Amino acid sequence: MRKLLKIEPDNNYFLTCHFDDGTVKRINLVSLLNYPVFAPLKNESVFKTVKNKSYFVEWEGYDIDLS
């Protein structure tokens, strides 16, 4: 399993993910914002508080994580 080394929140609800095997993925999360659990992320300042937890990302203070 790849380990997430770095996560960068970008404009327009994109995350740029850097993995230990050198892979870089840019992920658009805008489609998830329609689900109630992801509603807090519509606030871009909340979205940008994403935390790298090595094998998943989360937004502390909210019951939101992506693995």
N, C-alpha and C. Protein backbone atom coordinates (compact mmCIF):
# COMPACT_ATOMS: atom_id res chain seq x y z
N MET A 1 0.84 -1.17 0.00
CA MET A 1 0.00 0.00 0.00
C MET A 1 0.89 1.24 0.00
N ARG A 2 0.54 2.18 -0.85
CA ARG A 2 1.31 3.43 -0.93
C ARG A 2 1.04 4.29 0.29
N LYS A 3 2.07 5.00 0.71
CA LYS A 3 1.95 5.92 1.83
C LYS A 3 1.86 7.34 1.29
N LEU A 4 0.95 8.10 1.83
CA LEU A 4 0.78 9.50 1.44
C LEU A 4 1.84 10.33 2.16
N LEU A 5 2.69 10.99 1.40
CA LEU A 5 3.75 11.80 1.98
C LEU A 5 3.32 13.25 2.21
N LYS A 6 2.53 13.77 1.28
CA LYS A 6 2.18 15.19 1.34
C LYS A 6 0.82 15.39 0.70
N ILE A 7 0.03 16.28 1.28
CA ILE A 7 -1.27 16.63 0.70
C ILE A 7 -1.35 18.15 0.60
N GLU A 8 -1.80 18.63 -0.54
CA GLU A 8 -1.93 20.07 -0.76
C GLU A 8 -3.35 20.39 -1.19
N PRO A 9 -4.08 21.14 -0.39
CA PRO A 9 -5.41 21.58 -0.82
C PRO A 9 -5.25 22.72 -1.83
N ASP A 10 -5.93 22.62 -2.93
CA ASP A 10 -5.87 23.63 -3.98
C ASP A 10 -7.23 24.29 -4.14
N ASN A 11 -7.28 25.31 -4.95
CA ASN A 11 -8.54 25.99 -5.24
C ASN A 11 -9.52 25.06 -5.94
N ASN A 12 -10.78 25.38 -5.85
CA ASN A 12 -11.85 24.66 -6.52
C ASN A 12 -11.98 23.21 -6.06
N TYR A 13 -11.63 22.96 -4.79
CA TYR A 13 -11.84 21.65 -4.15
C TYR A 13 -11.01 20.52 -4.75
N PHE A 14 -9.79 20.83 -5.12
CA PHE A 14 -8.83 19.83 -5.57
C PHE A 14 -7.85 19.54 -4.43
N LEU A 15 -7.42 18.29 -4.35
CA LEU A 15 -6.32 17.90 -3.47
C LEU A 15 -5.21 17.35 -4.35
N THR A 16 -3.98 17.78 -4.11
CA THR A 16 -2.83 17.21 -4.78
C THR A 16 -2.14 16.30 -3.76
N CYS A 17 -2.02 15.03 -4.12
CA CYS A 17 -1.50 14.00 -3.22
C CYS A 17 -0.17 13.48 -3.74
N HIS A 18 0.84 13.49 -2.88
CA HIS A 18 2.18 13.00 -3.22
C HIS A 18 2.41 11.71 -2.44
N PHE A 19 2.74 10.62 -3.14
CA PHE A 19 2.91 9.31 -2.52
C PHE A 19 4.37 8.89 -2.49
N ASP A 20 4.67 7.92 -1.63
CA ASP A 20 6.05 7.48 -1.42
C ASP A 20 6.67 6.78 -2.63
N ASP A 21 5.87 6.38 -3.59
CA ASP A 21 6.43 5.76 -4.80
C ASP A 21 6.68 6.77 -5.92
N GLY A 22 6.53 8.07 -5.59
CA GLY A 22 6.77 9.13 -6.57
C GLY A 22 5.53 9.57 -7.32
N THR A 23 4.43 8.87 -7.16
CA THR A 23 3.18 9.21 -7.83
C THR A 23 2.60 10.49 -7.25
N VAL A 24 2.09 11.34 -8.12
CA VAL A 24 1.36 12.54 -7.71
C VAL A 24 -0.01 12.48 -8.36
N LYS A 25 -1.04 12.58 -7.56
CA LYS A 25 -2.42 12.55 -8.06
C LYS A 25 -3.11 13.85 -7.68
N ARG A 26 -3.88 14.38 -8.61
CA ARG A 26 -4.70 15.56 -8.35
C ARG A 26 -6.16 15.10 -8.37
N ILE A 27 -6.85 15.28 -7.26
CA ILE A 27 -8.19 14.73 -7.10
C ILE A 27 -9.18 15.87 -6.91
N ASN A 28 -10.26 15.83 -7.67
CA ASN A 28 -11.33 16.83 -7.56
C ASN A 28 -12.42 16.27 -6.64
N LEU A 29 -12.68 16.94 -5.54
CA LEU A 29 -13.68 16.48 -4.58
C LEU A 29 -15.02 17.19 -4.71
N VAL A 30 -15.19 18.01 -5.70
CA VAL A 30 -16.42 18.81 -5.81
C VAL A 30 -17.68 17.94 -5.85
N SER A 31 -17.62 16.79 -6.47
CA SER A 31 -18.82 15.94 -6.56
C SER A 31 -19.22 15.38 -5.20
N LEU A 32 -18.28 15.26 -4.27
CA LEU A 32 -18.61 14.76 -2.93
C LEU A 32 -19.35 15.78 -2.08
N LEU A 33 -19.24 17.05 -2.45
CA LEU A 33 -19.84 18.10 -1.64
C LEU A 33 -21.37 18.05 -1.64
N ASN A 34 -21.96 17.26 -2.53
CA ASN A 34 -23.41 17.10 -2.56
C ASN A 34 -23.92 16.16 -1.47
N TYR A 35 -23.01 15.41 -0.84
CA TYR A 35 -23.39 14.48 0.22
C TYR A 35 -23.34 15.20 1.57
N PRO A 36 -24.34 15.00 2.42
CA PRO A 36 -24.40 15.73 3.69
C PRO A 36 -23.14 15.61 4.55
N VAL A 37 -22.51 14.47 4.58
CA VAL A 37 -21.32 14.30 5.42
C VAL A 37 -20.18 15.23 5.00
N PHE A 38 -20.13 15.59 3.72
CA PHE A 38 -19.08 16.45 3.20
C PHE A 38 -19.48 17.93 3.16
N ALA A 39 -20.68 18.26 3.58
CA ALA A 39 -21.19 19.64 3.52
C ALA A 39 -20.25 20.67 4.17
N PRO A 40 -19.63 20.37 5.31
CA PRO A 40 -18.73 21.38 5.90
C PRO A 40 -17.59 21.80 4.98
N LEU A 41 -17.22 20.93 4.05
CA LEU A 41 -16.10 21.24 3.15
C LEU A 41 -16.47 22.26 2.09
N LYS A 42 -17.75 22.59 1.97
CA LYS A 42 -18.15 23.64 1.03
C LYS A 42 -17.54 24.98 1.44
N ASN A 43 -17.24 25.11 2.72
CA ASN A 43 -16.52 26.28 3.21
C ASN A 43 -15.05 26.06 2.87
N GLU A 44 -14.53 26.85 1.95
CA GLU A 44 -13.18 26.60 1.45
C GLU A 44 -12.12 26.72 2.54
N SER A 45 -12.35 27.54 3.55
CA SER A 45 -11.38 27.63 4.64
C SER A 45 -11.34 26.34 5.45
N VAL A 46 -12.47 25.65 5.59
CA VAL A 46 -12.50 24.34 6.24
C VAL A 46 -11.82 23.31 5.33
N PHE A 47 -12.14 23.33 4.05
CA PHE A 47 -11.54 22.39 3.10
C PHE A 47 -10.01 22.44 3.18
N LYS A 48 -9.46 23.61 3.31
CA LYS A 48 -8.00 23.78 3.30
C LYS A 48 -7.33 23.35 4.59
N THR A 49 -8.10 22.90 5.59
CA THR A 49 -7.52 22.40 6.84
C THR A 49 -7.24 20.90 6.79
N VAL A 50 -7.31 20.29 5.63
CA VAL A 50 -7.09 18.86 5.47
C VAL A 50 -5.76 18.44 6.11
N LYS A 51 -5.77 17.28 6.75
CA LYS A 51 -4.58 16.75 7.43
C LYS A 51 -4.16 15.42 6.81
N ASN A 52 -2.88 15.25 6.63
CA ASN A 52 -2.30 14.01 6.12
C ASN A 52 -2.12 13.05 7.28
N LYS A 53 -2.72 11.87 7.18
CA LYS A 53 -2.60 10.83 8.20
C LYS A 53 -1.90 9.59 7.62
N SER A 54 -1.06 9.78 6.62
CA SER A 54 -0.22 8.77 5.97
C SER A 54 -0.97 7.81 5.05
N TYR A 55 -2.07 7.23 5.51
CA TYR A 55 -2.82 6.30 4.66
C TYR A 55 -4.23 6.80 4.39
N PHE A 56 -4.55 7.96 4.92
CA PHE A 56 -5.83 8.60 4.66
C PHE A 56 -5.69 10.08 4.99
N VAL A 57 -6.67 10.85 4.60
CA VAL A 57 -6.71 12.27 4.96
C VAL A 57 -7.97 12.52 5.78
N GLU A 58 -7.90 13.54 6.63
CA GLU A 58 -9.08 13.87 7.43
C GLU A 58 -9.14 15.37 7.67
N TRP A 59 -10.29 15.77 8.10
CA TRP A 59 -10.52 17.15 8.49
C TRP A 59 -10.86 17.10 9.98
N GLU A 60 -9.91 17.49 10.82
CA GLU A 60 -10.07 17.42 12.26
C GLU A 60 -11.21 18.33 12.71
N GLY A 61 -11.95 17.84 13.69
CA GLY A 61 -13.10 18.59 14.18
C GLY A 61 -14.38 18.25 13.43
N TYR A 62 -14.23 17.46 12.38
CA TYR A 62 -15.37 17.03 11.57
C TYR A 62 -15.28 15.50 11.42
N ASP A 63 -16.38 14.86 11.28
CA ASP A 63 -16.38 13.41 11.10
C ASP A 63 -16.23 13.08 9.62
N ILE A 64 -15.10 13.51 9.06
CA ILE A 64 -14.84 13.36 7.63
C ILE A 64 -13.43 12.82 7.45
N ASP A 65 -13.33 11.72 6.71
CA ASP A 65 -12.01 11.24 6.29
C ASP A 65 -12.15 10.53 4.96
N LEU A 66 -11.04 10.48 4.24
CA LEU A 66 -10.97 9.77 2.97
C LEU A 66 -9.81 8.79 3.05
N SER A 67 -10.09 7.54 2.71
CA SER A 67 -8.99 6.57 2.71
C SER A 67 -8.89 5.89 1.37
